[in-house]
PDB file of N, CA and C in Angstrom:
ATOM      1  N   UNK A   1     -26.084 -47.238 -19.365  1.00  0.00           N
ATOM      2  CA  UNK A   1     -26.862 -46.595 -18.355  1.00  0.00           C
ATOM      3  C   UNK A   1     -28.082 -45.994 -18.998  1.00  0.00           C
ATOM      4  N   UNK A   2     -29.134 -46.035 -18.214  1.00  0.00           N
ATOM      5  CA  UNK A   2     -30.316 -45.408 -18.681  1.00  0.00           C
ATOM      6  C   UNK A   2     -30.412 -43.983 -18.126  1.00  0.00           C
ATOM      7  N   UNK A   3     -31.410 -43.285 -18.478  1.00  0.00           N
ATOM      8  CA  UNK A   3     -31.629 -41.870 -18.074  1.00  0.00           C
ATOM      9  C   UNK A   3     -31.728 -41.754 -16.525  1.00  0.00           C
ATOM     10  N   UNK A   4     -32.388 -42.667 -15.938  1.00  0.00           N
ATOM     11  CA  UNK A   4     -32.572 -42.598 -14.480  1.00  0.00           C
ATOM     12  C   UNK A   4     -31.215 -42.747 -13.755  1.00  0.00           C
ATOM     13  N   UNK A   5     -30.417 -43.668 -14.196  1.00  0.00           N
ATOM     14  CA  UNK A   5     -29.098 -43.857 -13.555  1.00  0.00           C
ATOM     15  C   UNK A   5     -28.219 -42.637 -13.755  1.00  0.00           C
ATOM     16  N   UNK A   6     -28.215 -42.082 -14.944  1.00  0.00           N
ATOM     17  CA  UNK A   6     -27.439 -40.865 -15.217  1.00  0.00           C
ATOM     18  C   UNK A   6     -27.879 -39.774 -14.287  1.00  0.00           C
ATOM     19  N   UNK A   7     -29.183 -39.601 -14.152  1.00  0.00           N
ATOM     20  CA  UNK A   7     -29.750 -38.578 -13.283  1.00  0.00           C
ATOM     21  C   UNK A   7     -29.293 -38.780 -11.811  1.00  0.00           C
ATOM     22  N   UNK A   8     -29.290 -40.042 -11.345  1.00  0.00           N
ATOM     23  CA  UNK A   8     -28.832 -40.312 -10.003  1.00  0.00           C
ATOM     24  C   UNK A   8     -27.375 -40.002  -9.838  1.00  0.00           C
ATOM     25  N   UNK A   9     -26.566 -40.324 -10.797  1.00  0.00           N
ATOM     26  CA  UNK A   9     -25.113 -40.012 -10.706  1.00  0.00           C
ATOM     27  C   UNK A   9     -24.922 -38.531 -10.673  1.00  0.00           C
ATOM     28  N   UNK A  10     -25.637 -37.771 -11.483  1.00  0.00           N
ATOM     29  CA  UNK A  10     -25.525 -36.299 -11.444  1.00  0.00           C
ATOM     30  C   UNK A  10     -25.893 -35.761 -10.135  1.00  0.00           C
ATOM     31  N   UNK A  11     -26.977 -36.253  -9.532  1.00  0.00           N
ATOM     32  CA  UNK A  11     -27.416 -35.819  -8.232  1.00  0.00           C
ATOM     33  C   UNK A  11     -26.344 -36.114  -7.196  1.00  0.00           C
ATOM     34  N   UNK A  12     -25.726 -37.277  -7.264  1.00  0.00           N
ATOM     35  CA  UNK A  12     -24.738 -37.659  -6.290  1.00  0.00           C
ATOM     36  C   UNK A  12     -23.504 -36.769  -6.435  1.00  0.00           C
ATOM     37  N   UNK A  13     -23.098 -36.419  -7.656  1.00  0.00           N
ATOM     38  CA  UNK A  13     -21.945 -35.566  -7.908  1.00  0.00           C
ATOM     39  C   UNK A  13     -22.235 -34.221  -7.384  1.00  0.00           C
ATOM     40  N   UNK A  14     -23.369 -33.661  -7.587  1.00  0.00           N
ATOM     41  CA  UNK A  14     -23.768 -32.340  -7.113  1.00  0.00           C
ATOM     42  C   UNK A  14     -23.774 -32.374  -5.562  1.00  0.00           C
ATOM     43  N   UNK A  15     -24.341 -33.393  -5.009  1.00  0.00           N
ATOM     44  CA  UNK A  15     -24.352 -33.558  -3.562  1.00  0.00           C
ATOM     45  C   UNK A  15     -22.974 -33.652  -2.952  1.00  0.00           C
ATOM     46  N   UNK A  16     -22.025 -34.306  -3.608  1.00  0.00           N
ATOM     47  CA  UNK A  16     -20.682 -34.425  -3.080  1.00  0.00           C
ATOM     48  C   UNK A  16     -20.007 -33.097  -2.989  1.00  0.00           C
ATOM     49  N   UNK A  17     -20.313 -32.246  -3.956  1.00  0.00           N
ATOM     50  CA  UNK A  17     -19.674 -30.938  -3.932  1.00  0.00           C
ATOM     51  C   UNK A  17     -20.215 -30.020  -2.811  1.00  0.00           C
ATOM     52  N   UNK A  18     -21.453 -30.280  -2.358  1.00  0.00           N
ATOM     53  CA  UNK A  18     -22.060 -29.528  -1.305  1.00  0.00           C
ATOM     54  C   UNK A  18     -21.726 -29.997   0.078  1.00  0.00           C
ATOM     55  N   UNK A  19     -21.072 -31.119   0.231  1.00  0.00           N
ATOM     56  CA  UNK A  19     -20.719 -31.659   1.508  1.00  0.00           C
ATOM     57  C   UNK A  19     -19.629 -30.843   2.114  1.00  0.00           C
ATOM     58  N   UNK A  20     -19.645 -30.708   3.413  1.00  0.00           N
ATOM     59  CA  UNK A  20     -18.578 -29.923   4.120  1.00  0.00           C
ATOM     60  C   UNK A  20     -17.226 -30.490   3.856  1.00  0.00           C
ATOM     61  N   UNK A  21     -16.224 -29.690   3.946  1.00  0.00           N
ATOM     62  CA  UNK A  21     -14.859 -30.225   3.669  1.00  0.00           C
ATOM     63  C   UNK A  21     -14.427 -31.164   4.805  1.00  0.00           C
ATOM     64  N   UNK A  22     -13.589 -32.047   4.462  1.00  0.00           N
ATOM     65  CA  UNK A  22     -13.035 -32.975   5.451  1.00  0.00           C
ATOM     66  C   UNK A  22     -11.998 -32.310   6.288  1.00  0.00           C
ATOM     67  N   UNK A  23     -11.568 -33.031   7.343  1.00  0.00           N
ATOM     68  CA  UNK A  23     -10.561 -32.402   8.285  1.00  0.00           C
ATOM     69  C   UNK A  23      -9.286 -32.066   7.612  1.00  0.00           C
ATOM     70  N   UNK A  24      -8.816 -32.904   6.734  1.00  0.00           N
ATOM     71  CA  UNK A  24      -7.547 -32.609   6.048  1.00  0.00           C
ATOM     72  C   UNK A  24      -7.646 -31.385   5.182  1.00  0.00           C
ATOM     73  N   UNK A  25      -8.787 -31.236   4.446  1.00  0.00           N
ATOM     74  CA  UNK A  25      -8.998 -30.077   3.579  1.00  0.00           C
ATOM     75  C   UNK A  25      -9.025 -28.761   4.466  1.00  0.00           C
ATOM     76  N   UNK A  26      -9.716 -28.809   5.610  1.00  0.00           N
ATOM     77  CA  UNK A  26      -9.745 -27.630   6.448  1.00  0.00           C
ATOM     78  C   UNK A  26      -8.314 -27.346   7.028  1.00  0.00           C
ATOM     79  N   UNK A  27      -7.588 -28.371   7.394  1.00  0.00           N
ATOM     80  CA  UNK A  27      -6.228 -28.204   7.837  1.00  0.00           C
ATOM     81  C   UNK A  27      -5.341 -27.581   6.815  1.00  0.00           C
ATOM     82  N   UNK A  28      -5.448 -27.967   5.598  1.00  0.00           N
ATOM     83  CA  UNK A  28      -4.668 -27.434   4.493  1.00  0.00           C
ATOM     84  C   UNK A  28      -5.069 -25.978   4.313  1.00  0.00           C
ATOM     85  N   UNK A  29      -6.291 -25.600   4.312  1.00  0.00           N
ATOM     86  CA  UNK A  29      -6.739 -24.224   4.148  1.00  0.00           C
ATOM     87  C   UNK A  29      -6.225 -23.409   5.291  1.00  0.00           C
ATOM     88  N   UNK A  30      -6.287 -23.922   6.511  1.00  0.00           N
ATOM     89  CA  UNK A  30      -5.801 -23.146   7.701  1.00  0.00           C
ATOM     90  C   UNK A  30      -4.326 -22.969   7.578  1.00  0.00           C
ATOM     91  N   UNK A  31      -3.594 -23.992   7.215  1.00  0.00           N
ATOM     92  CA  UNK A  31      -2.137 -23.893   7.051  1.00  0.00           C
ATOM     93  C   UNK A  31      -1.723 -22.867   6.038  1.00  0.00           C
ATOM     94  N   UNK A  32      -2.407 -22.834   4.855  1.00  0.00           N
ATOM     95  CA  UNK A  32      -2.156 -21.849   3.779  1.00  0.00           C
ATOM     96  C   UNK A  32      -2.477 -20.463   4.317  1.00  0.00           C
ATOM     97  N   UNK A  33      -3.554 -20.261   5.050  1.00  0.00           N
ATOM     98  CA  UNK A  33      -3.947 -18.965   5.586  1.00  0.00           C
ATOM     99  C   UNK A  33      -2.924 -18.465   6.595  1.00  0.00           C
ATOM    100  N   UNK A  34      -2.415 -19.363   7.422  1.00  0.00           N
ATOM    101  CA  UNK A  34      -1.374 -18.962   8.376  1.00  0.00           C
ATOM    102  C   UNK A  34      -0.096 -18.553   7.688  1.00  0.00           C
ATOM    103  N   UNK A  35       0.259 -19.251   6.644  1.00  0.00           N
ATOM    104  CA  UNK A  35       1.463 -18.909   5.880  1.00  0.00           C
ATOM    105  C   UNK A  35       1.332 -17.560   5.218  1.00  0.00           C
ATOM    106  N   UNK A  36       0.186 -17.285   4.601  1.00  0.00           N
ATOM    107  CA  UNK A  36      -0.069 -16.026   3.944  1.00  0.00           C
ATOM    108  C   UNK A  36      -0.063 -14.906   4.995  1.00  0.00           C
ATOM    109  N   UNK A  37      -0.686 -15.104   6.119  1.00  0.00           N
ATOM    110  CA  UNK A  37      -0.693 -14.104   7.182  1.00  0.00           C
ATOM    111  C   UNK A  37       0.740 -13.811   7.641  1.00  0.00           C
ATOM    112  N   UNK A  38       1.498 -14.833   7.875  1.00  0.00           N
ATOM    113  CA  UNK A  38       2.867 -14.657   8.364  1.00  0.00           C
ATOM    114  C   UNK A  38       3.715 -13.892   7.313  1.00  0.00           C
ATOM    115  N   UNK A  39       3.502 -14.261   6.025  1.00  0.00           N
ATOM    116  CA  UNK A  39       4.265 -13.571   4.920  1.00  0.00           C
ATOM    117  C   UNK A  39       3.830 -12.109   4.873  1.00  0.00           C
ATOM    118  N   UNK A  40       2.535 -11.810   5.000  1.00  0.00           N
ATOM    119  CA  UNK A  40       2.075 -10.434   4.930  1.00  0.00           C
ATOM    120  C   UNK A  40       2.604  -9.620   6.156  1.00  0.00           C
ATOM    121  N   UNK A  41       2.584 -10.286   7.297  1.00  0.00           N
ATOM    122  CA  UNK A  41       3.084  -9.585   8.519  1.00  0.00           C
ATOM    123  C   UNK A  41       4.609  -9.328   8.349  1.00  0.00           C
ATOM    124  N   UNK A  42       5.361 -10.241   7.827  1.00  0.00           N
ATOM    125  CA  UNK A  42       6.744 -10.040   7.666  1.00  0.00           C
ATOM    126  C   UNK A  42       7.073  -8.896   6.714  1.00  0.00           C
ATOM    127  N   UNK A  43       6.253  -8.812   5.598  1.00  0.00           N
ATOM    128  CA  UNK A  43       6.447  -7.732   4.607  1.00  0.00           C
ATOM    129  C   UNK A  43       6.077  -6.390   5.254  1.00  0.00           C
ATOM    130  N   UNK A  44       4.982  -6.352   6.018  1.00  0.00           N
ATOM    131  CA  UNK A  44       4.612  -5.102   6.677  1.00  0.00           C
ATOM    132  C   UNK A  44       5.714  -4.644   7.705  1.00  0.00           C
ATOM    133  N   UNK A  45       6.200  -5.614   8.414  1.00  0.00           N
ATOM    134  CA  UNK A  45       7.289  -5.348   9.433  1.00  0.00           C
ATOM    135  C   UNK A  45       8.499  -4.829   8.724  1.00  0.00           C
ATOM    136  N   UNK A  46       8.883  -5.439   7.575  1.00  0.00           N
ATOM    137  CA  UNK A  46      10.034  -5.010   6.847  1.00  0.00           C
ATOM    138  C   UNK A  46       9.883  -3.596   6.282  1.00  0.00           C
ATOM    139  N   UNK A  47       8.730  -3.287   5.722  1.00  0.00           N
ATOM    140  CA  UNK A  47       8.434  -2.064   5.191  1.00  0.00           C
ATOM    141  C   UNK A  47       8.477  -0.912   6.243  1.00  0.00           C
ATOM    142  N   UNK A  48       7.906  -1.256   7.416  1.00  0.00           N
ATOM    143  CA  UNK A  48       7.813  -0.307   8.528  1.00  0.00           C
ATOM    144  C   UNK A  48       9.220   0.072   8.972  1.00  0.00           C
ATOM    145  N   UNK A  49      10.081  -0.929   9.217  1.00  0.00           N
ATOM    146  CA  UNK A  49      11.368  -0.619   9.728  1.00  0.00           C
ATOM    147  C   UNK A  49      12.310  -0.063   8.630  1.00  0.00           C
ATOM    148  N   UNK A  50      12.059  -0.324   7.382  1.00  0.00           N
ATOM    149  CA  UNK A  50      12.792   0.290   6.304  1.00  0.00           C
ATOM    150  C   UNK A  50      12.479   1.767   6.246  1.00  0.00           C
ATOM    151  N   UNK A  51      11.215   2.102   6.475  1.00  0.00           N
ATOM    152  CA  UNK A  51      10.799   3.553   6.581  1.00  0.00           C
ATOM    153  C   UNK A  51      11.441   4.214   7.735  1.00  0.00           C
ATOM    154  N   UNK A  52      11.441   3.560   8.905  1.00  0.00           N
ATOM    155  CA  UNK A  52      12.060   4.126  10.120  1.00  0.00           C
ATOM    156  C   UNK A  52      13.525   4.320   9.872  1.00  0.00           C
ATOM    157  N   UNK A  53      14.157   3.373   9.307  1.00  0.00           N
ATOM    158  CA  UNK A  53      15.632   3.496   9.058  1.00  0.00           C
ATOM    159  C   UNK A  53      15.891   4.662   8.096  1.00  0.00           C
ATOM    160  N   UNK A  54      15.062   4.837   7.071  1.00  0.00           N
ATOM    161  CA  UNK A  54      15.245   5.919   6.128  1.00  0.00           C
ATOM    162  C   UNK A  54      15.062   7.271   6.874  1.00  0.00           C
ATOM    163  N   UNK A  55      14.088   7.360   7.714  1.00  0.00           N
ATOM    164  CA  UNK A  55      13.871   8.636   8.472  1.00  0.00           C
ATOM    165  C   UNK A  55      15.068   8.904   9.381  1.00  0.00           C
ATOM    166  N   UNK A  56      15.587   7.883  10.121  1.00  0.00           N
ATOM    167  CA  UNK A  56      16.660   8.055  11.037  1.00  0.00           C
ATOM    168  C   UNK A  56      17.915   8.469  10.241  1.00  0.00           C
ATOM    169  N   UNK A  57      18.183   7.799   9.134  1.00  0.00           N
ATOM    170  CA  UNK A  57      19.332   8.121   8.305  1.00  0.00           C
ATOM    171  C   UNK A  57      19.225   9.560   7.771  1.00  0.00           C
ATOM    172  N   UNK A  58      18.086   9.949   7.327  1.00  0.00           N
ATOM    173  CA  UNK A  58      17.881  11.297   6.828  1.00  0.00           C
ATOM    174  C   UNK A  58      18.135  12.332   7.975  1.00  0.00           C
ATOM    175  N   UNK A  59      17.609  12.040   9.121  1.00  0.00           N
ATOM    176  CA  UNK A  59      17.785  12.925  10.271  1.00  0.00           C
ATOM    177  C   UNK A  59      19.244  13.041  10.611  1.00  0.00           C
ATOM    178  N   UNK A  60      19.983  11.902  10.637  1.00  0.00           N
ATOM    179  CA  UNK A  60      21.360  11.899  10.990  1.00  0.00           C
ATOM    180  C   UNK A  60      22.158  12.690   9.969  1.00  0.00           C
ATOM    181  N   UNK A  61      21.905  12.550   8.736  1.00  0.00           N
ATOM    182  CA  UNK A  61      22.571  13.339   7.661  1.00  0.00           C
ATOM    183  C   UNK A  61      22.289  14.859   7.869  1.00  0.00           C
ATOM    184  N   UNK A  62      21.076  15.214   8.210  1.00  0.00           N
ATOM    185  CA  UNK A  62      20.727  16.580   8.463  1.00  0.00           C
ATOM    186  C   UNK A  62      21.516  17.148   9.657  1.00  0.00           C
ATOM    187  N   UNK A  63      21.617  16.336  10.676  1.00  0.00           N
ATOM    188  CA  UNK A  63      22.409  16.764  11.869  1.00  0.00           C
ATOM    189  C   UNK A  63      23.864  16.957  11.490  1.00  0.00           C
ATOM    190  N   UNK A  64      24.458  16.060  10.776  1.00  0.00           N
ATOM    191  CA  UNK A  64      25.798  16.154  10.333  1.00  0.00           C
ATOM    192  C   UNK A  64      26.007  17.364   9.460  1.00  0.00           C
ATOM    193  N   UNK A  65      25.085  17.611   8.579  1.00  0.00           N
ATOM    194  CA  UNK A  65      25.220  18.747   7.678  1.00  0.00           C
ATOM    195  C   UNK A  65      25.125  20.086   8.482  1.00  0.00           C
ATOM    196  N   UNK A  66      24.233  20.124   9.393  1.00  0.00           N
ATOM    197  CA  UNK A  66      24.099  21.357  10.250  1.00  0.00           C
ATOM    198  C   UNK A  66      25.379  21.533  11.043  1.00  0.00           C
ATOM    199  N   UNK A  67      25.935  20.485  11.678  1.00  0.00           N
ATOM    200  CA  UNK A  67      27.139  20.554  12.435  1.00  0.00           C
ATOM    201  C   UNK A  67      28.330  21.033  11.590  1.00  0.00           C
ATOM    202  N   UNK A  68      28.381  20.489  10.368  1.00  0.00           N
ATOM    203  CA  UNK A  68      29.445  20.944   9.409  1.00  0.00           C
ATOM    204  C   UNK A  68      29.304  22.418   9.089  1.00  0.00           C
ATOM    205  N   UNK A  69      28.038  22.893   8.839  1.00  0.00           N
ATOM    206  CA  UNK A  69      27.835  24.272   8.526  1.00  0.00           C
ATOM    207  C   UNK A  69      28.194  25.180   9.670  1.00  0.00           C
ATOM    208  N   UNK A  70      27.874  24.773  10.924  1.00  0.00           N
ATOM    209  CA  UNK A  70      28.226  25.523  12.093  1.00  0.00           C
ATOM    210  C   UNK A  70      29.747  25.576  12.263  1.00  0.00           C
ATOM    211  N   UNK A  71      30.411  24.453  12.031  1.00  0.00           N
ATOM    212  CA  UNK A  71      31.863  24.433  12.197  1.00  0.00           C
ATOM    213  C   UNK A  71      32.490  25.319  11.139  1.00  0.00           C
ATOM    214  N   UNK A  72      32.013  25.276   9.957  1.00  0.00           N
ATOM    215  CA  UNK A  72      32.597  26.137   8.860  1.00  0.00           C
ATOM    216  C   UNK A  72      32.345  27.620   9.192  1.00  0.00           C
ATOM    217  N   UNK A  73      31.179  27.902   9.717  1.00  0.00           N
ATOM    218  CA  UNK A  73      30.870  29.304  10.091  1.00  0.00           C
ATOM    219  C   UNK A  73      31.805  29.840  11.191  1.00  0.00           C
ATOM    220  N   UNK A  74      32.096  28.987  12.143  1.00  0.00           N
ATOM    221  CA  UNK A  74      32.998  29.369  13.251  1.00  0.00           C
ATOM    222  C   UNK A  74      34.429  29.534  12.732  1.00  0.00           C
ATOM    223  N   UNK A  75      34.866  28.681  11.820  1.00  0.00           N
ATOM    224  CA  UNK A  75      36.224  28.769  11.284  1.00  0.00           C
ATOM    225  C   UNK A  75      36.367  30.039  10.425  1.00  0.00           C
ATOM    226  N   UNK A  76      35.360  30.409   9.769  1.00  0.00           N
ATOM    227  CA  UNK A  76      35.439  31.584   8.851  1.00  0.00           C
ATOM    228  C   UNK A  76      35.191  32.944   9.565  1.00  0.00           C
ATOM    229  N   UNK A  77      34.814  32.810  10.866  1.00  0.00           N
ATOM    230  CA  UNK A  77      34.485  34.041  11.599  1.00  0.00           C
ATOM    231  C   UNK A  77      35.756  34.892  11.829  1.00  0.00           C
ATOM    232  N   UNK A  78      35.717  36.117  11.370  1.00  0.00           N
ATOM    233  CA  UNK A  78      36.815  37.019  11.534  1.00  0.00           C
ATOM    234  C   UNK A  78      36.595  38.036  12.613  1.00  0.00           C
ATOM    235  N   UNK A  79      37.602  38.165  13.554  1.00  0.00           N
ATOM    236  CA  UNK A  79      37.487  39.129  14.639  1.00  0.00           C
ATOM    237  C   UNK A  79      38.586  40.115  14.529  1.00  0.00           C
TER     238      UNK A  79
END
């Protein structure tokens, strides 16, 4: 190859990289983006409900503890 041919090949290679993506490439990108979004949504959903469950469990334990304290106080009450 001479210098002119090499230059033409380099221009063609550079031009190929600037061409828009084909349908299949866009479909792959879209599919990966949807998977990542679904995964992130599931993680957020899981974290949210894990926090809610922890709050409810803590509240229930506090109610049980208060009820037990009240019961003990009534049983120890001397008249």
